[in-house]
Protein backbone atom coordinates (compact mmCIF):
# COMPACT_ATOMS: atom_id res chain seq x y z
CA UNK A 1 -0.22 -0.05 -0.15
CA UNK A 2 1.48 3.59 -0.55
CA UNK A 3 -0.79 5.61 1.21
CA UNK A 4 -3.55 6.38 3.34
CA UNK A 5 -5.81 9.36 3.06
CA UNK A 6 -7.75 10.72 6.04
CA UNK A 7 -11.10 12.71 5.11
CA UNK A 8 -11.98 14.95 7.97
CA UNK A 9 -15.75 16.67 7.88
CA UNK A 10 -18.07 17.49 10.67
CA UNK A 11 -16.41 15.63 13.40
CA UNK A 12 -16.36 12.13 11.15
CA UNK A 13 -13.12 10.66 9.56
CA UNK A 14 -13.73 8.93 6.37
CA UNK A 15 -10.96 6.99 5.24
CA UNK A 16 -9.57 6.49 1.64
CA UNK A 17 -6.78 3.91 0.32
CA UNK A 18 -5.17 4.32 -2.81
CA UNK A 19 -1.84 2.45 -4.16
CA UNK A 20 1.39 4.22 -5.01
CA UNK A 21 4.71 2.31 -4.83
CA UNK A 22 5.89 0.33 -2.01
CA UNK A 23 6.02 3.11 1.19
CA UNK A 24 3.40 4.65 2.74
CA UNK A 25 2.01 8.18 3.58
CA UNK A 26 -1.26 9.93 5.80
CA UNK A 27 -2.71 12.63 4.35
CA UNK A 28 -5.05 14.62 6.63
CA UNK A 29 -7.42 17.00 5.37
CA UNK A 30 -10.65 18.97 4.83
CA UNK A 31 -10.65 17.94 1.21
CA UNK A 32 -9.56 14.42 -0.61
CA UNK A 33 -5.39 14.94 -1.22
CA UNK A 34 -2.69 12.92 -2.11
CA UNK A 35 -0.14 13.02 -0.04
CA UNK A 36 3.30 14.10 -1.02
CA UNK A 37 5.33 10.73 -1.75
CA UNK A 38 8.25 12.45 0.22
CA UNK A 39 6.12 12.59 3.69
CA UNK A 40 5.20 10.37 6.55
CA UNK A 41 2.29 12.81 6.85
CA UNK A 42 0.90 15.73 5.09
CA UNK A 43 -1.97 17.91 6.88
CA UNK A 44 -3.65 20.48 4.68
CA UNK A 45 -6.24 22.92 5.18
CA UNK A 46 -7.24 26.59 3.90
CA UNK A 47 -9.22 27.31 6.99
CA UNK A 48 -7.97 25.82 9.96
CA UNK A 49 -4.14 25.32 12.39
CA UNK A 50 -2.95 22.26 13.49
CA UNK A 51 -2.32 22.23 17.64
CA UNK A 52 0.17 20.31 19.27
CA UNK A 53 0.54 18.91 22.96
CA UNK A 54 0.11 22.22 25.14
CA UNK A 55 1.97 21.91 28.71
CA UNK A 56 3.22 23.87 31.83
CA UNK A 57 6.67 23.98 32.51
CA UNK A 58 6.56 21.38 35.16
CA UNK A 59 4.33 18.99 32.87
CA UNK A 60 7.03 19.62 29.94
CA UNK A 61 10.01 18.38 32.90
CA UNK A 62 7.74 15.51 34.37
CA UNK A 63 8.14 14.09 30.41
CA UNK A 64 10.39 10.91 31.28
CA UNK A 65 12.75 10.03 28.90
CA UNK A 66 12.05 13.00 25.96
CA UNK A 67 13.27 11.73 22.86
CA UNK A 68 15.49 14.32 20.69
CA UNK A 69 13.39 16.21 18.63
CA UNK A 70 10.47 16.38 20.89
CA UNK A 71 8.21 19.45 20.42
CA UNK A 72 5.54 20.81 22.43
CA UNK A 73 3.77 24.30 23.31
CA UNK A 74 4.83 25.42 26.59
CA UNK A 75 1.66 27.56 28.46
CA UNK A 76 4.06 29.40 30.74
CA UNK A 77 7.39 30.90 32.07
CA UNK A 78 8.12 32.69 28.58
CA UNK A 79 4.96 30.74 26.70
CA UNK A 80 6.48 29.52 23.37
CA UNK A 81 7.74 26.24 21.09
CA UNK A 82 10.28 24.46 22.97
CA UNK A 83 12.03 21.31 21.50
CA UNK A 84 14.03 18.79 22.83
CA UNK A 85 17.61 18.62 21.73
CA UNK A 86 19.32 16.00 23.55
CA UNK A 87 20.29 17.39 26.25
CA UNK A 88 17.86 19.97 27.77
CA UNK A 89 14.73 21.46 26.46
CA UNK A 90 15.39 24.68 24.05
CA UNK A 91 13.53 27.60 22.50
CA UNK A 92 12.44 26.99 19.07
CA UNK A 93 14.07 30.31 18.35
CA UNK A 94 13.94 32.89 16.70
CA UNK A 95 13.58 34.95 13.39
CA UNK A 96 15.22 38.59 14.29
CA UNK A 97 13.94 41.43 12.37
CA UNK A 98 15.95 44.62 11.93
CA UNK A 99 19.50 44.90 12.65
CA UNK A 100 21.08 45.27 16.39
CA UNK A 101 22.73 48.55 17.20
CA UNK A 102 25.41 48.16 19.71
CA UNK A 103 24.32 50.91 22.54
CA UNK A 104 21.06 49.73 21.92
CA UNK A 105 19.28 47.82 24.94
CA UNK A 106 19.08 43.80 25.25
CA UNK A 107 16.01 42.33 27.05
CA UNK A 108 16.83 39.22 28.81
CA UNK A 109 14.33 36.11 29.05
CA UNK A 110 12.88 37.58 32.58
CA UNK A 111 12.56 40.80 30.94
CA UNK A 112 15.40 42.36 32.82
CA UNK A 113 17.28 45.05 30.32
CA UNK A 114 20.67 45.46 30.16
CA UNK A 115 22.52 48.75 28.26
CA UNK A 116 25.09 48.21 25.48
CA UNK A 117 28.33 49.93 25.00
CA UNK A 118 30.90 49.57 22.13
CA UNK A 119 34.20 49.28 23.19
CA UNK A 120 37.19 48.51 19.98
CA UNK A 121 35.88 46.12 17.74
CA UNK A 122 33.07 44.29 20.59
CA UNK A 123 30.04 45.06 21.84
CA UNK A 124 29.41 44.49 25.82
CA UNK A 125 26.82 44.65 27.93
CA UNK A 126 27.02 47.64 30.53
CA UNK A 127 26.33 45.83 33.76
CA UNK A 128 26.40 42.21 35.32
CA UNK A 129 23.85 39.49 34.00
CA UNK A 130 20.90 38.79 36.87
CA UNK A 131 18.87 36.44 34.97
CA UNK A 132 17.75 33.62 37.54
CA UNK A 133 16.80 31.42 34.26
CA UNK A 134 18.69 29.80 31.48
CA UNK A 135 17.78 31.82 27.95
CA UNK A 136 15.72 28.60 27.18
CA UNK A 137 13.29 29.11 30.12
CA UNK A 138 14.52 26.62 32.40
CA UNK A 139 15.18 27.80 35.81
CA UNK A 140 19.22 27.64 37.27
CA UNK A 141 19.42 26.10 40.62
CA UNK A 142 19.46 29.11 42.70
CA UNK A 143 21.76 28.61 46.10
CA UNK A 144 20.92 30.03 49.81
CA UNK A 145 23.39 28.50 51.89
CA UNK A 146 26.90 27.55 52.03
CA UNK A 147 26.09 24.06 51.94
CA UNK A 148 23.84 24.02 49.14
CA UNK A 149 26.86 25.76 47.11
CA UNK A 150 29.08 23.14 48.10
CA UNK A 151 26.66 20.56 46.85
CA UNK A 152 26.24 22.04 43.52
CA UNK A 153 29.95 22.17 42.72
CA UNK A 154 30.31 17.88 43.99
CA UNK A 155 27.24 17.45 41.43
CA UNK A 156 29.32 19.95 38.83
CA UNK A 157 25.32 21.73 39.17
CA UNK A 158 25.25 25.04 37.43
CA UNK A 159 23.71 27.66 40.17
CA UNK A 160 23.79 31.29 40.94
CA UNK A 161 23.38 33.24 44.15
CA UNK A 162 23.37 36.69 45.16
CA UNK A 163 25.90 38.27 47.27
CA UNK A 164 25.54 37.28 50.47
CA UNK A 165 22.68 35.73 49.40
CA UNK A 166 21.02 38.95 49.83
CA UNK A 167 18.35 39.75 46.78
CA UNK A 168 17.17 42.78 48.27
CA UNK A 169 20.02 44.63 48.66
CA UNK A 170 22.30 43.04 45.58
CA UNK A 171 20.58 42.17 42.74
CA UNK A 172 20.02 45.01 40.98
CA UNK A 173 23.12 46.62 41.77
CA UNK A 174 25.56 43.15 41.27
CA UNK A 175 23.64 41.30 39.52
CA UNK A 176 24.21 37.11 40.23
CA UNK A 177 26.93 35.21 41.05
CA UNK A 178 26.90 31.81 39.00
CA UNK A 179 29.36 29.42 38.90
CA UNK A 180 31.17 27.81 35.83
CA UNK A 181 28.99 25.04 35.43
CA UNK A 182 26.04 27.72 35.03
CA UNK A 183 28.42 29.49 32.02
CA UNK A 184 29.35 26.36 30.51
CA UNK A 185 25.90 25.27 29.58
CA UNK A 186 25.89 28.55 26.78
CA UNK A 187 23.02 28.96 27.81
CA UNK A 188 23.19 32.32 29.98
CA UNK A 189 23.29 35.27 27.67
CA UNK A 190 20.41 36.51 25.64
CA UNK A 191 20.15 34.70 21.95
CA UNK A 192 22.67 36.93 19.91
CA UNK A 193 25.29 36.93 23.10
CA UNK A 194 27.56 34.53 24.89
CA UNK A 195 30.18 34.75 27.70
CA UNK A 196 33.44 35.87 26.70
CA UNK A 197 36.57 33.70 26.16
CA UNK A 198 39.66 34.16 27.80
CA UNK A 199 40.79 35.59 24.78
CA UNK A 200 38.03 37.81 24.17
CA UNK A 201 38.89 39.50 27.57
CA UNK A 202 42.29 39.86 26.17
CA UNK A 203 41.05 42.06 23.71
CA UNK A 204 39.38 44.13 25.76
CA UNK A 205 42.31 44.82 28.07
CA UNK A 206 44.57 45.04 25.22
CA UNK A 207 42.35 47.72 24.05
CA UNK A 208 42.22 49.63 27.15
CA UNK A 209 45.23 49.58 28.25
CA UNK A 210 48.05 48.45 25.43
CA UNK A 211 51.12 47.86 27.98
CA UNK A 212 48.71 44.80 28.25
CA UNK A 213 50.66 42.79 25.44
CA UNK A 214 50.71 39.18 26.43
CA UNK A 215 47.92 37.35 26.69
CA UNK A 216 49.23 34.42 28.46
CA UNK A 217 50.56 36.62 31.32
CA UNK A 218 48.80 36.23 34.97
CA UNK A 219 48.32 37.78 37.79
CA UNK A 220 48.03 41.79 37.48
CA UNK A 221 48.90 43.30 34.23
CA UNK A 222 49.69 46.20 32.41
CA UNK A 223 49.28 49.68 33.92
CA UNK A 224 45.70 50.94 34.57
CA UNK A 225 43.19 49.19 32.79
CA UNK A 226 40.95 48.57 36.06
CA UNK A 227 40.48 52.34 36.67
CA UNK A 228 39.67 52.78 33.01
CA UNK A 229 37.19 49.73 33.40
CA UNK A 230 35.83 50.84 36.85
CA UNK A 231 32.36 52.80 37.62
CA UNK A 232 33.22 56.33 38.80
CA UNK A 233 31.26 55.27 42.15
CA UNK A 234 30.73 52.81 44.28
CA UNK A 235 34.11 51.43 45.10
CA UNK A 236 35.20 51.24 48.57
CA UNK A 237 38.69 52.22 49.76
CA UNK A 238 38.72 55.19 47.21
CA UNK A 239 38.97 52.83 44.43
CA UNK A 240 36.83 54.33 41.96
CA UNK A 241 37.76 54.47 38.40
CA UNK A 242 37.53 56.83 35.48
CA UNK A 243 35.31 54.26 33.64
CA UNK A 244 36.91 55.53 30.18
CA UNK A 245 34.68 53.49 27.88
CA UNK A 246 31.14 53.10 29.65
CA UNK A 247 32.14 49.46 31.18
CA UNK A 248 30.86 50.83 34.00
CA UNK A 249 32.42 47.78 36.75
CA UNK A 250 30.74 47.20 39.82
CA UNK A 251 32.21 45.44 42.88
CA UNK A 252 29.81 42.53 43.53
CA UNK A 253 32.41 40.52 44.83
CA UNK A 254 32.97 36.48 44.84
CA UNK A 255 31.58 33.43 46.41
CA UNK A 256 34.13 30.93 46.93
CA UNK A 257 33.60 27.33 47.00
CA UNK A 258 34.24 27.13 50.74
CA UNK A 259 32.22 29.24 53.00
CA UNK A 260 33.61 32.52 53.05
CA UNK A 261 33.02 35.78 50.92
CA UNK A 262 34.74 37.82 48.90
CA UNK A 263 32.56 40.95 50.03
CA UNK A 264 30.97 43.47 47.81
CA UNK A 265 32.43 46.82 47.75
CA UNK A 266 36.25 45.96 47.26
CA UNK A 267 36.43 43.24 44.37
CA UNK A 268 34.58 42.64 40.83
CA UNK A 269 35.37 39.02 39.31
CA UNK A 270 33.79 37.62 35.69
CA UNK A 271 34.09 34.18 34.13
CA UNK A 272 35.45 33.92 30.87
CA UNK A 273 34.21 30.53 29.38
CA UNK A 274 37.80 28.73 28.56
CA UNK A 275 38.49 26.21 30.95
CA UNK A 276 41.95 24.92 32.53
CA UNK A 277 41.57 21.84 33.98
CA UNK A 278 39.33 21.76 36.92
CA UNK A 279 39.62 25.90 36.89
CA UNK A 280 38.56 28.34 34.20
CA UNK A 281 39.97 31.72 33.23
CA UNK A 282 38.63 35.09 34.97
CA UNK A 283 39.56 38.79 34.82
CA UNK A 284 39.32 40.38 38.74
CA UNK A 285 39.87 44.27 39.13
CA UNK A 286 39.96 45.62 43.03
CA UNK A 287 39.60 48.74 44.76
CA UNK A 288 43.11 48.99 45.88
CA UNK A 289 44.76 48.97 42.30
CA UNK A 290 44.54 50.29 38.95
CA UNK A 291 45.66 47.23 37.06
CA UNK A 292 43.26 44.26 36.05
CA UNK A 293 44.27 41.08 36.50
CA UNK A 294 44.12 37.15 35.11
CA UNK A 295 43.93 34.16 37.03
CA UNK A 296 42.44 30.63 37.13
CA UNK A 297 39.87 29.65 40.05
CA UNK A 298 38.00 26.25 40.67
CA UNK A 299 34.76 25.64 38.56
CA UNK A 300 32.11 25.72 41.50
CA UNK A 301 33.07 29.31 42.69
CA UNK A 302 30.33 31.96 42.03
CA UNK A 303 31.58 35.30 39.89
CA UNK A 304 29.88 37.80 37.70
CA UNK A 305 29.08 37.46 34.15
CA UNK A 306 29.27 40.20 31.69
CA UNK A 307 28.31 39.48 28.10
CA UNK A 308 29.70 40.07 24.73
CA UNK A 309 27.87 40.40 21.60
CA UNK A 310 28.21 37.19 18.93
């Protein structure tokens, strides 16, 4: 049997069969059609649409062992079409109209708005990421105590916290502190943006301070990249910068894997996506030094994230 045609009218199904070759196609229509031989199923209508399963995010996440390519429409938490990519649910996205111009604002999946700035050949966010969801709509694990933070590291689970676990005082100002496992998903920044590589951080540093001319050097480097990138207020110990390029770096501090904090006010750390063993490269600016610092820290630590345009 070549194919099976199902004609639908007035809620009644009439079945017609026809013979063509050796394979089978199925057609569903309001009028008699011959399914295209390249399709296993053809749905045809000029007056109606087709509905696929509509689920809440909780119902979606409860699907056991979803097949790669499984498609649903999600009813809440950024409603849209989502498909399972073999690892996680991803938004079936997006047709972008128009051309983005650096300097225009960018909105993440939760509606947080970020200003952008052109620095040399790169376009950067002017504030730290503060999303609590990956760009596909999946919630990032929020940690509110030291034990849970250590547990997330032990299981290599993507997680975030607010500085000192205090969203009221710090979320809007400093953004979130994310571990590298969250960074490594590739899903933190909005579509069209990404967490910078170690090489992209070097490009920024070299542009603002040409005396930083060795990408492999570690520790404090150059002359005054830190001062040029720091905001003109918000730093303790007379550590404010000149913010020559609009990067507006603020001292969000960090969450080490251990229980201690590097407190907000004096230090700023940003992840790169570039891993080195069980550590990853980052950039660090402090209130008491004019330079910037390149260092590697454990994947389980919590640092700020700045997004850069693809």
